[in-house]
Amino acid sequence: MSQDTRTGEPSPPVPDPADPAAPDASAGAPRGGLTRRRLITLGAVGAVAAGGAYAVSRGPGLPSLPQLSRLGEPAPPELRIDPQPVGFSDLQARRRIGNATYVYEVNARPATYYVTEPFGDRLDRWLALHRRHVGQVPDEVRSYGAWVRGSSTSWHSSGEAIDIARLRADGRDLTSLRYDRWRDAPAPELRRRLALYWRTAAGLHHEFADVLTYLFDAAHSNHIHVDLGRFGPERPRLIRRSDAQVQAVQAMCRHVWGRTDVEVTGDFDDVTREATTRILEQAGGPGELGDSREAWQAFMVATMERA
């Protein structure tokens, strides 16, 4: 398998034309699974989250769950640790996310992507959330792909993951998640780009269990990876031992809320706790960030709306 020189990750496998389950080569197959991915943390499988989520309606939130401390506490008894690979024929073929056309970033062409129906519905909800709270109306979502055949270590293989690169409208970028392209921009432009990046990431964190950004590793400098991962159909909540979640919250505090006293360490320390609690108070959100799913959702909505 060849190496993708943009990220260091494997290039997408070439479909076997003799295989009746092989998708069309123009479909948005990702650049391989997250084969080097660390196990971020563990979580429980539960029932599908109830309606009336904070981000959409600001109505009653979901019930609070017991917190998991960073060290020592046992994980819930039912876990989603390993994805279950499926063939593309078991998945839903889609060409849009919400009202936006799905476009494969590598060749800039509209493409088909394959995901489970619940994951596709979650993508549609995320884009509606982005339109409402960030205020952008993309007509195109650029992606490095969703389903990929075979890997038992990647949620891509289960049709429950996607790599998002850019949101566009009228032939121009609205939000670029291509950190590799603008990380060396002049300071004012870099501040603007980072604020949009993390406001967009907030919407993804609202909807998806695992959200991997450029902070996770260099392989994610040209896209944000999202999957249902630990929580399955449940809405995400803060797990304090998750480096990916805590680093993202800290980056939002710095680049969106201007809290430069918050360092991006992955440790949910006292400074991070104070900053997020103050942000939730300003937004009229409930309690502290780690108290409930509703608090997590409120923080992400407030961050999306922070212009």
C-alpha atoms as a PDB file:
ATOM      1  CA  MET A   1       0.000   0.000   0.000  1.00  0.00           C
ATOM      2  CA  SER A   2       1.434   3.396  -0.968  1.00  0.00           C
ATOM      3  CA  GLN A   3       1.937   6.271   1.423  1.00  0.00           C
ATOM      4  CA  ASP A   4      -0.006   9.538   1.270  1.00  0.00           C
ATOM      5  CA  THR A   5       2.650  12.216   1.228  1.00  0.00           C
ATOM      6  CA  ARG A   6       0.270  14.882   2.522  1.00  0.00           C
ATOM      7  CA  THR A   7      -0.336  13.155   5.832  1.00  0.00           C
ATOM      8  CA  GLY A   8       1.897  10.117   6.183  1.00  0.00           C
ATOM      9  CA  GLU A   9      -1.177   7.878   6.280  1.00  0.00           C
ATOM     10  CA  PRO A  10      -1.758   5.012   3.870  1.00  0.00           C
ATOM     11  CA  SER A  11      -3.370   5.886   0.573  1.00  0.00           C
ATOM     12  CA  PRO A  12      -6.871   4.459  -0.012  1.00  0.00           C
ATOM     13  CA  PRO A  13      -6.990   0.845  -1.132  1.00  0.00           C
ATOM     14  CA  VAL A  14      -7.757   0.354  -4.817  1.00  0.00           C
ATOM     15  CA  PRO A  15     -11.111  -1.439  -5.238  1.00  0.00           C
ATOM     16  CA  ASP A  16     -10.924  -4.825  -6.915  1.00  0.00           C
ATOM     17  CA  PRO A  17     -13.088  -4.653 -10.075  1.00  0.00           C
ATOM     18  CA  ALA A  18     -13.844  -8.360  -9.717  1.00  0.00           C
ATOM     19  CA  ASP A  19     -15.293  -7.833  -6.282  1.00  0.00           C
ATOM     20  CA  PRO A  20     -19.057  -7.246  -6.554  1.00  0.00           C
ATOM     21  CA  ALA A  21     -18.907  -5.305  -3.284  1.00  0.00           C
ATOM     22  CA  ALA A  22     -16.314  -2.868  -4.567  1.00  0.00           C
ATOM     23  CA  PRO A  23     -17.571   0.722  -4.711  1.00  0.00           C
ATOM     24  CA  ASP A  24     -17.107   2.983  -7.684  1.00  0.00           C
ATOM     25  CA  ALA A  25     -13.575   4.350  -7.704  1.00  0.00           C
ATOM     26  CA  SER A  26     -14.927   7.902  -7.683  1.00  0.00           C
ATOM     27  CA  ALA A  27     -16.601   7.334  -4.322  1.00  0.00           C
ATOM     28  CA  GLY A  28     -15.100   9.165  -1.399  1.00  0.00           C
ATOM     29  CA  ALA A  29     -12.958   6.386   0.009  1.00  0.00           C
ATOM     30  CA  PRO A  30     -10.786   7.756   2.842  1.00  0.00           C
ATOM     31  CA  ARG A  31      -7.051   7.540   3.000  1.00  0.00           C
ATOM     32  CA  GLY A  32      -7.123   4.322   5.000  1.00  0.00           C
ATOM     33  CA  GLY A  33      -8.194   3.816   8.586  1.00  0.00           C
ATOM     34  CA  LEU A  34      -6.744   5.316  11.708  1.00  0.00           C
ATOM     35  CA  THR A  35      -4.307   2.460  12.021  1.00  0.00           C
ATOM     36  CA  ARG A  36      -2.027   4.422  14.319  1.00  0.00           C
ATOM     37  CA  ARG A  37      -4.845   5.749  16.383  1.00  0.00           C
ATOM     38  CA  ARG A  38      -4.504   5.602  20.122  1.00  0.00           C
ATOM     39  CA  LEU A  39      -7.385   4.378  22.237  1.00  0.00           C
ATOM     40  CA  ILE A  40      -8.520   7.739  23.536  1.00  0.00           C
ATOM     41  CA  THR A  41     -10.827   6.483  26.232  1.00  0.00           C
ATOM     42  CA  LEU A  42     -13.772   4.176  26.773  1.00  0.00           C
ATOM     43  CA  GLY A  43     -17.475   4.863  26.932  1.00  0.00           C
ATOM     44  CA  ALA A  44     -20.822   3.156  27.146  1.00  0.00           C
ATOM     45  CA  VAL A  45     -23.343   2.131  24.540  1.00  0.00           C
ATOM     46  CA  GLY A  46     -26.775   3.425  25.380  1.00  0.00           C
ATOM     47  CA  ALA A  47     -30.137   4.123  23.884  1.00  0.00           C
ATOM     48  CA  VAL A  48     -30.533   6.736  21.178  1.00  0.00           C
ATOM     49  CA  ALA A  49     -30.443  10.176  22.742  1.00  0.00           C
ATOM     50  CA  ALA A  50     -33.802  11.816  23.306  1.00  0.00           C
ATOM     51  CA  GLY A  51     -34.935  14.819  21.296  1.00  0.00           C
ATOM     52  CA  GLY A  52     -34.917  18.407  22.516  1.00  0.00           C
ATOM     53  CA  ALA A  53     -31.133  18.670  22.572  1.00  0.00           C
ATOM     54  CA  TYR A  54     -29.814  21.977  23.886  1.00  0.00           C
ATOM     55  CA  ALA A  55     -28.083  22.964  20.667  1.00  0.00           C
ATOM     56  CA  VAL A  56     -31.179  22.795  18.513  1.00  0.00           C
ATOM     57  CA  SER A  57     -33.913  24.032  20.784  1.00  0.00           C
ATOM     58  CA  ARG A  58     -32.261  25.235  23.996  1.00  0.00           C
ATOM     59  CA  GLY A  59     -34.989  23.177  25.639  1.00  0.00           C
ATOM     60  CA  PRO A  60     -34.521  20.609  28.410  1.00  0.00           C
ATOM     61  CA  GLY A  61     -31.236  18.768  28.149  1.00  0.00           C
ATOM     62  CA  LEU A  62     -30.344  15.152  28.527  1.00  0.00           C
ATOM     63  CA  PRO A  63     -29.966  13.606  31.972  1.00  0.00           C
ATOM     64  CA  SER A  64     -26.704  13.936  33.799  1.00  0.00           C
ATOM     65  CA  LEU A  65     -24.449  10.888  33.960  1.00  0.00           C
ATOM     66  CA  PRO A  66     -21.786  10.117  36.562  1.00  0.00           C
ATOM     67  CA  GLN A  67     -18.451  11.678  35.717  1.00  0.00           C
ATOM     68  CA  LEU A  68     -15.413   9.559  34.921  1.00  0.00           C
ATOM     69  CA  SER A  69     -12.357  10.854  36.713  1.00  0.00           C
ATOM     70  CA  ARG A  70      -9.103  11.123  34.798  1.00  0.00           C
ATOM     71  CA  LEU A  71      -7.623   8.272  36.799  1.00  0.00           C
ATOM     72  CA  GLY A  72      -8.839   5.228  38.578  1.00  0.00           C
ATOM     73  CA  GLU A  73     -12.586   4.977  38.039  1.00  0.00           C
ATOM     74  CA  PRO A  74     -13.927   1.946  36.194  1.00  0.00           C
ATOM     75  CA  ALA A  75     -15.478   2.365  32.764  1.00  0.00           C
ATOM     76  CA  PRO A  76     -19.181   1.578  32.285  1.00  0.00           C
ATOM     77  CA  PRO A  77     -19.931  -2.140  31.805  1.00  0.00           C
ATOM     78  CA  GLU A  78     -20.902  -2.001  28.124  1.00  0.00           C
ATOM     79  CA  LEU A  79     -18.241  -0.592  25.824  1.00  0.00           C
ATOM     80  CA  ARG A  80     -17.758   0.191  22.155  1.00  0.00           C
ATOM     81  CA  ILE A  81     -14.057  -0.556  21.815  1.00  0.00           C
ATOM     82  CA  ASP A  82     -13.662  -2.136  18.401  1.00  0.00           C
ATOM     83  CA  PRO A  83     -15.470  -1.216  15.182  1.00  0.00           C
ATOM     84  CA  GLN A  84     -17.157  -3.984  13.206  1.00  0.00           C
ATOM     85  CA  PRO A  85     -16.126  -3.896   9.522  1.00  0.00           C
ATOM     86  CA  VAL A  86     -18.967  -4.108   6.999  1.00  0.00           C
ATOM     87  CA  GLY A  87     -19.244  -4.172   3.220  1.00  0.00           C
ATOM     88  CA  PHE A  88     -20.409  -1.089   1.381  1.00  0.00           C
ATOM     89  CA  SER A  89     -23.569  -2.916   0.281  1.00  0.00           C
ATOM     90  CA  ASP A  90     -24.668  -2.904   3.947  1.00  0.00           C
ATOM     91  CA  LEU A  91     -24.409   0.885   4.085  1.00  0.00           C
ATOM     92  CA  GLN A  92     -26.390   3.822   2.788  1.00  0.00           C
ATOM     93  CA  ALA A  93     -25.033   5.414  -0.407  1.00  0.00           C
ATOM     94  CA  ARG A  94     -25.222   9.201  -0.118  1.00  0.00           C
ATOM     95  CA  ARG A  95     -24.157  12.141  -2.269  1.00  0.00           C
ATOM     96  CA  ARG A  96     -25.091  15.001   0.063  1.00  0.00           C
ATOM     97  CA  ILE A  97     -24.707  16.103   3.651  1.00  0.00           C
ATOM     98  CA  GLY A  98     -27.834  18.023   4.470  1.00  0.00           C
ATOM     99  CA  ASN A  99     -28.351  20.386   1.539  1.00  0.00           C
ATOM    100  CA  ALA A 100     -24.668  20.417   0.599  1.00  0.00           C
ATOM    101  CA  THR A 101     -23.052  18.345  -2.131  1.00  0.00           C
ATOM    102  CA  TYR A 102     -20.432  15.844  -0.960  1.00  0.00           C
ATOM    103  CA  VAL A 103     -17.145  16.431  -2.815  1.00  0.00           C
ATOM    104  CA  TYR A 104     -13.992  14.305  -2.638  1.00  0.00           C
ATOM    105  CA  GLU A 105     -11.160  16.649  -1.665  1.00  0.00           C
ATOM    106  CA  VAL A 106      -8.484  14.795  -3.640  1.00  0.00           C
ATOM    107  CA  ASN A 107     -10.033  15.386  -7.069  1.00  0.00           C
ATOM    108  CA  ALA A 108     -12.585  18.131  -6.263  1.00  0.00           C
ATOM    109  CA  ARG A 109     -15.408  16.055  -7.803  1.00  0.00           C
ATOM    110  CA  PRO A 110     -18.839  15.233  -6.389  1.00  0.00           C
ATOM    111  CA  ALA A 111     -18.803  11.648  -5.152  1.00  0.00           C
ATOM    112  CA  THR A 112     -20.768   8.950  -3.390  1.00  0.00           C
ATOM    113  CA  TYR A 113     -19.912   8.070   0.180  1.00  0.00           C
ATOM    114  CA  TYR A 114     -21.097   5.128   2.277  1.00  0.00           C
ATOM    115  CA  VAL A 115     -22.196   5.301   5.914  1.00  0.00           C
ATOM    116  CA  THR A 116     -24.754   3.756   8.236  1.00  0.00           C
ATOM    117  CA  GLU A 117     -28.124   5.481   8.193  1.00  0.00           C
ATOM    118  CA  PRO A 118     -27.772   6.752  11.805  1.00  0.00           C
ATOM    119  CA  PHE A 119     -24.353   8.192  11.012  1.00  0.00           C
ATOM    120  CA  GLY A 120     -25.699   9.875   7.882  1.00  0.00           C
ATOM    121  CA  ASP A 121     -28.553  11.365   9.909  1.00  0.00           C
ATOM    122  CA  ARG A 122     -26.028  12.633  12.453  1.00  0.00           C
ATOM    123  CA  LEU A 123     -24.042  14.325   9.668  1.00  0.00           C
ATOM    124  CA  ASP A 124     -27.207  16.046   8.458  1.00  0.00           C
ATOM    125  CA  ARG A 125     -27.957  17.260  11.999  1.00  0.00           C
ATOM    126  CA  TRP A 126     -24.417  18.557  12.375  1.00  0.00           C
ATOM    127  CA  LEU A 127     -24.606  20.640   9.210  1.00  0.00           C
ATOM    128  CA  ALA A 128     -28.003  22.060  10.244  1.00  0.00           C
ATOM    129  CA  LEU A 129     -26.423  22.920  13.609  1.00  0.00           C
ATOM    130  CA  HIS A 130     -23.520  24.636  11.850  1.00  0.00           C
ATOM    131  CA  ARG A 131     -25.864  26.672   9.661  1.00  0.00           C
ATOM    132  CA  ARG A 132     -27.928  27.780  12.633  1.00  0.00           C
ATOM    133  CA  HIS A 133     -25.195  28.650  15.119  1.00  0.00           C
ATOM    134  CA  VAL A 134     -22.156  29.541  12.992  1.00  0.00           C
ATOM    135  CA  GLY A 135     -24.314  31.202  10.366  1.00  0.00           C
ATOM    136  CA  GLN A 136     -22.649  29.696   7.312  1.00  0.00           C
ATOM    137  CA  VAL A 137     -24.674  28.028   4.547  1.00  0.00           C
ATOM    138  CA  PRO A 138     -22.320  25.730   2.643  1.00  0.00           C
ATOM    139  CA  ASP A 139     -23.392  24.243  -0.667  1.00  0.00           C
ATOM    140  CA  GLU A 140     -20.435  21.859  -0.684  1.00  0.00           C
ATOM    141  CA  VAL A 141     -18.698  19.717   1.945  1.00  0.00           C
ATOM    142  CA  ARG A 142     -15.206  18.624   0.923  1.00  0.00           C
ATOM    143  CA  SER A 143     -14.037  15.337   2.443  1.00  0.00           C
ATOM    144  CA  TYR A 144     -11.219  12.814   2.255  1.00  0.00           C
ATOM    145  CA  GLY A 145     -13.754  10.025   2.566  1.00  0.00           C
ATOM    146  CA  ALA A 146     -15.947   7.943   4.831  1.00  0.00           C
ATOM    147  CA  TRP A 147     -16.191   4.133   4.513  1.00  0.00           C
ATOM    148  CA  VAL A 148     -13.071   2.100   3.734  1.00  0.00           C
ATOM    149  CA  ARG A 149     -12.956  -1.653   3.289  1.00  0.00           C
ATOM    150  CA  GLY A 150     -11.581  -4.027   5.831  1.00  0.00           C
ATOM    151  CA  SER A 151      -9.690  -2.457   8.721  1.00  0.00           C
ATOM    152  CA  SER A 152     -10.872  -3.733  12.092  1.00  0.00           C
ATOM    153  CA  THR A 153      -9.097  -0.858  13.865  1.00  0.00           C
ATOM    154  CA  SER A 154     -10.964   1.968  12.162  1.00  0.00           C
ATOM    155  CA  TRP A 155     -14.504   3.282  12.512  1.00  0.00           C
ATOM    156  CA  HIS A 156     -14.212   4.083   8.815  1.00  0.00           C
ATOM    157  CA  SER A 157     -14.571   0.343   8.152  1.00  0.00           C
ATOM    158  CA  SER A 158     -17.892   0.259  10.018  1.00  0.00           C
ATOM    159  CA  GLY A 159     -19.370   3.177   8.083  1.00  0.00           C
ATOM    160  CA  GLU A 160     -19.376   5.373  11.191  1.00  0.00           C
ATOM    161  CA  ALA A 161     -16.605   7.857  10.414  1.00  0.00           C
ATOM    162  CA  ILE A 162     -15.759  10.635   7.981  1.00  0.00           C
ATOM    163  CA  ASP A 163     -12.847  13.033   7.340  1.00  0.00           C
ATOM    164  CA  ILE A 164     -13.971  16.623   6.699  1.00  0.00           C
ATOM    165  CA  ALA A 165     -11.649  19.095   4.984  1.00  0.00           C
ATOM    166  CA  ARG A 166     -13.572  22.215   3.935  1.00  0.00           C
ATOM    167  CA  LEU A 167     -16.981  23.872   3.839  1.00  0.00           C
ATOM    168  CA  ARG A 168     -17.590  25.901   0.678  1.00  0.00           C
ATOM    169  CA  ALA A 169     -20.252  28.047  -0.989  1.00  0.00           C
ATOM    170  CA  ASP A 170     -20.343  29.700  -4.419  1.00  0.00           C
ATOM    171  CA  GLY A 171     -16.918  28.314  -5.280  1.00  0.00           C
ATOM    172  CA  ARG A 172     -15.053  29.677  -2.253  1.00  0.00           C
ATOM    173  CA  ASP A 173     -14.113  28.436   1.197  1.00  0.00           C
ATOM    174  CA  LEU A 174     -16.314  29.342   4.133  1.00  0.00           C
ATOM    175  CA  THR A 175     -14.315  27.341   6.661  1.00  0.00           C
ATOM    176  CA  SER A 176     -11.107  25.485   5.905  1.00  0.00           C
ATOM    177  CA  LEU A 177     -10.096  22.632   8.172  1.00  0.00           C
ATOM    178  CA  ARG A 178      -6.904  22.363   6.108  1.00  0.00           C
ATOM    179  CA  TYR A 179      -4.582  23.535   8.887  1.00  0.00           C
ATOM    180  CA  ASP A 180      -1.707  22.356   6.704  1.00  0.00           C
ATOM    181  CA  ARG A 181      -2.508  25.127   4.209  1.00  0.00           C
ATOM    182  CA  TRP A 182      -2.796  28.131   6.519  1.00  0.00           C
ATOM    183  CA  ARG A 183      -0.867  27.365   9.710  1.00  0.00           C
ATOM    184  CA  ASP A 184       1.936  29.739   8.595  1.00  0.00           C
ATOM    185  CA  ALA A 185      -0.408  32.618   7.729  1.00  0.00           C
ATOM    186  CA  PRO A 186       0.277  36.123   9.123  1.00  0.00           C
ATOM    187  CA  ALA A 187      -0.946  36.578  12.679  1.00  0.00           C
ATOM    188  CA  PRO A 188      -4.269  38.377  11.953  1.00  0.00           C
ATOM    189  CA  GLU A 189      -5.228  35.838   9.288  1.00  0.00           C
ATOM    190  CA  LEU A 190      -4.146  32.950  11.501  1.00  0.00           C
ATOM    191  CA  ARG A 191      -6.328  34.212  14.361  1.00  0.00           C
ATOM    192  CA  ARG A 192      -9.340  34.419  12.050  1.00  0.00           C
ATOM    193  CA  ARG A 193      -8.720  30.942  10.630  1.00  0.00           C
ATOM    194  CA  LEU A 194      -8.225  29.370  14.046  1.00  0.00           C
ATOM    195  CA  ALA A 195     -11.414  30.927  15.412  1.00  0.00           C
ATOM    196  CA  LEU A 196     -13.461  29.540  12.492  1.00  0.00           C
ATOM    197  CA  TYR A 197     -11.717  26.168  12.749  1.00  0.00           C
ATOM    198  CA  TRP A 198     -12.581  25.755  16.425  1.00  0.00           C
ATOM    199  CA  ARG A 199     -16.125  27.118  16.069  1.00  0.00           C
ATOM    200  CA  THR A 200     -16.654  24.458  13.402  1.00  0.00           C
ATOM    201  CA  ALA A 201     -14.985  21.819  15.570  1.00  0.00           C
ATOM    202  CA  ALA A 202     -17.385  22.753  18.390  1.00  0.00           C
ATOM    203  CA  GLY A 203     -20.337  21.668  16.249  1.00  0.00           C
ATOM    204  CA  LEU A 204     -18.615  18.387  15.480  1.00  0.00           C
ATOM    205  CA  HIS A 205     -17.854  17.811  19.164  1.00  0.00           C
ATOM    206  CA  HIS A 206     -21.516  18.463  19.910  1.00  0.00           C
ATOM    207  CA  GLU A 207     -22.559  15.578  17.655  1.00  0.00           C
ATOM    208  CA  PHE A 208     -19.736  13.029  17.560  1.00  0.00           C
ATOM    209  CA  ALA A 209     -17.929  10.956  20.160  1.00  0.00           C
ATOM    210  CA  ASP A 210     -14.426  11.250  18.751  1.00  0.00           C
ATOM    211  CA  VAL A 211     -13.235  14.371  16.946  1.00  0.00           C
ATOM    212  CA  LEU A 212      -9.583  14.313  15.912  1.00  0.00           C
ATOM    213  CA  THR A 213      -7.953  17.602  14.896  1.00  0.00           C
ATOM    214  CA  TYR A 214      -4.448  18.788  14.074  1.00  0.00           C
ATOM    215  CA  LEU A 215      -3.775  18.674  17.825  1.00  0.00           C
ATOM    216  CA  PHE A 216      -4.158  14.891  17.798  1.00  0.00           C
ATOM    217  CA  ASP A 217      -1.296  14.230  15.387  1.00  0.00           C
ATOM    218  CA  ALA A 218       0.229  15.479  12.128  1.00  0.00           C
ATOM    219  CA  ALA A 219      -1.900  13.066  10.072  1.00  0.00           C
ATOM    220  CA  HIS A 220      -4.947  15.198  10.910  1.00  0.00           C
ATOM    221  CA  SER A 221      -3.499  18.531   9.800  1.00  0.00           C
ATOM    222  CA  ASN A 222      -5.538  18.487   6.574  1.00  0.00           C
ATOM    223  CA  HIS A 223      -8.902  17.328   7.934  1.00  0.00           C
ATOM    224  CA  ILE A 224     -10.967  16.699  11.053  1.00  0.00           C
ATOM    225  CA  HIS A 225     -11.891  13.067  11.618  1.00  0.00           C
ATOM    226  CA  VAL A 226     -15.197  12.317  13.367  1.00  0.00           C
ATOM    227  CA  ASP A 227     -16.821   9.044  14.386  1.00  0.00           C
ATOM    228  CA  LEU A 228     -19.514   7.703  16.697  1.00  0.00           C
ATOM    229  CA  GLY A 229     -16.890   5.652  18.498  1.00  0.00           C
ATOM    230  CA  ARG A 230     -17.311   5.319  22.223  1.00  0.00           C
ATOM    231  CA  PHE A 231     -20.858   6.535  22.693  1.00  0.00           C
ATOM    232  CA  GLY A 232     -22.564   5.002  19.678  1.00  0.00           C
ATOM    233  CA  PRO A 233     -25.966   6.627  19.235  1.00  0.00           C
ATOM    234  CA  GLU A 234     -25.720   8.577  22.492  1.00  0.00           C
ATOM    235  CA  ARG A 235     -24.773  12.230  22.495  1.00  0.00           C
ATOM    236  CA  PRO A 236     -21.193  12.979  23.576  1.00  0.00           C
ATOM    237  CA  ARG A 237     -20.233  14.243  27.001  1.00  0.00           C
ATOM    238  CA  LEU A 238     -16.896  15.195  28.500  1.00  0.00           C
ATOM    239  CA  ILE A 239     -14.587  12.382  29.530  1.00  0.00           C
ATOM    240  CA  ARG A 240     -11.780  14.120  31.364  1.00  0.00           C
ATOM    241  CA  ARG A 241      -9.161  11.536  30.501  1.00  0.00           C
ATOM    242  CA  SER A 242      -9.776  12.074  26.779  1.00  0.00           C
ATOM    243  CA  ASP A 243      -6.844  14.109  25.485  1.00  0.00           C
ATOM    244  CA  ALA A 244      -8.722  14.855  22.254  1.00  0.00           C
ATOM    245  CA  GLN A 245     -11.735  16.322  24.052  1.00  0.00           C
ATOM    246  CA  VAL A 246      -9.799  18.281  26.651  1.00  0.00           C
ATOM    247  CA  GLN A 247      -7.297  19.699  24.153  1.00  0.00           C
ATOM    248  CA  ALA A 248     -10.171  20.821  21.931  1.00  0.00           C
ATOM    249  CA  VAL A 249     -11.934  22.557  24.821  1.00  0.00           C
ATOM    250  CA  GLN A 250      -8.695  24.311  25.749  1.00  0.00           C
ATOM    251  CA  ALA A 251      -8.121  25.395  22.128  1.00  0.00           C
ATOM    252  CA  MET A 252     -11.684  26.775  22.000  1.00  0.00           C
ATOM    253  CA  CYS A 253     -11.029  28.733  25.190  1.00  0.00           C
ATOM    254  CA  ARG A 254      -7.870  30.246  23.676  1.00  0.00           C
ATOM    255  CA  HIS A 255      -8.788  30.810  20.024  1.00  0.00           C
ATOM    256  CA  VAL A 256     -12.516  31.546  20.273  1.00  0.00           C
ATOM    257  CA  TRP A 257     -12.967  32.960  23.772  1.00  0.00           C
ATOM    258  CA  GLY A 258      -9.615  34.739  24.106  1.00  0.00           C
ATOM    259  CA  ARG A 259      -8.640  32.910  27.285  1.00  0.00           C
ATOM    260  CA  THR A 260      -4.905  32.872  26.611  1.00  0.00           C
ATOM    261  CA  ASP A 261      -4.274  31.810  30.201  1.00  0.00           C
ATOM    262  CA  VAL A 262      -5.600  28.358  29.246  1.00  0.00           C
ATOM    263  CA  GLU A 263      -2.801  26.137  27.991  1.00  0.00           C
ATOM    264  CA  VAL A 264      -3.468  23.294  25.548  1.00  0.00           C
ATOM    265  CA  THR A 265      -2.166  20.383  27.631  1.00  0.00           C
ATOM    266  CA  GLY A 266      -4.909  17.736  27.534  1.00  0.00           C
ATOM    267  CA  ASP A 267      -5.165  17.987  31.324  1.00  0.00           C
ATOM    268  CA  PHE A 268      -8.502  19.293  32.632  1.00  0.00           C
ATOM    269  CA  ASP A 269      -6.794  21.498  35.205  1.00  0.00           C
ATOM    270  CA  ASP A 270      -8.133  24.214  37.480  1.00  0.00           C
ATOM    271  CA  VAL A 271      -7.538  26.992  34.939  1.00  0.00           C
ATOM    272  CA  THR A 272      -9.511  25.073  32.290  1.00  0.00           C
ATOM    273  CA  ARG A 273     -12.295  24.318  34.775  1.00  0.00           C
ATOM    274  CA  GLU A 274     -12.587  27.972  35.790  1.00  0.00           C
ATOM    275  CA  ALA A 275     -12.563  29.200  32.179  1.00  0.00           C
ATOM    276  CA  THR A 276     -15.206  26.766  30.963  1.00  0.00           C
ATOM    277  CA  THR A 277     -17.412  27.405  33.995  1.00  0.00           C
ATOM    278  CA  ARG A 278     -17.228  31.150  33.377  1.00  0.00           C
ATOM    279  CA  ILE A 279     -18.084  30.663  29.695  1.00  0.00           C
ATOM    280  CA  LEU A 280     -21.090  28.522  30.619  1.00  0.00           C
ATOM    281  CA  GLU A 281     -22.241  31.162  33.115  1.00  0.00           C
ATOM    282  CA  GLN A 282     -22.031  33.856  30.419  1.00  0.00           C
ATOM    283  CA  ALA A 283     -24.007  31.629  28.037  1.00  0.00           C
ATOM    284  CA  GLY A 284     -26.644  30.752  30.617  1.00  0.00           C
ATOM    285  CA  GLY A 285     -25.606  27.114  30.520  1.00  0.00           C
ATOM    286  CA  PRO A 286     -26.033  24.593  33.318  1.00  0.00           C
ATOM    287  CA  GLY A 287     -23.333  23.871  35.901  1.00  0.00           C
ATOM    288  CA  GLU A 288     -19.788  22.851  35.033  1.00  0.00           C
ATOM    289  CA  LEU A 289     -18.633  21.358  31.762  1.00  0.00           C
ATOM    290  CA  GLY A 290     -18.203  17.853  33.134  1.00  0.00           C
ATOM    291  CA  ASP A 291     -21.529  17.716  34.940  1.00  0.00           C
ATOM    292  CA  SER A 292     -23.802  16.585  32.119  1.00  0.00           C
ATOM    293  CA  ARG A 293     -24.336  16.192  28.420  1.00  0.00           C
ATOM    294  CA  GLU A 294     -26.448  19.336  28.545  1.00  0.00           C
ATOM    295  CA  ALA A 295     -23.475  21.334  29.849  1.00  0.00           C
ATOM    296  CA  TRP A 296     -21.268  19.905  27.104  1.00  0.00           C
ATOM    297  CA  GLN A 297     -23.838  20.843  24.454  1.00  0.00           C
ATOM    298  CA  ALA A 298     -24.307  24.332  25.917  1.00  0.00           C
ATOM    299  CA  PHE A 299     -20.571  25.001  25.819  1.00  0.00           C
ATOM    300  CA  MET A 300     -20.327  23.868  22.204  1.00  0.00           C
ATOM    301  CA  VAL A 301     -23.316  25.968  21.112  1.00  0.00           C
ATOM    302  CA  ALA A 302     -21.938  29.049  22.863  1.00  0.00           C
ATOM    303  CA  THR A 303     -18.592  28.492  21.133  1.00  0.00           C
ATOM    304  CA  MET A 304     -20.225  28.114  17.712  1.00  0.00           C
ATOM    305  CA  GLU A 305     -22.102  31.385  18.231  1.00  0.00           C
ATOM    306  CA  ARG A 306     -19.078  33.322  19.466  1.00  0.00           C
ATOM    307  CA  ALA A 307     -18.278  35.604  16.512  1.00  0.00           C
END
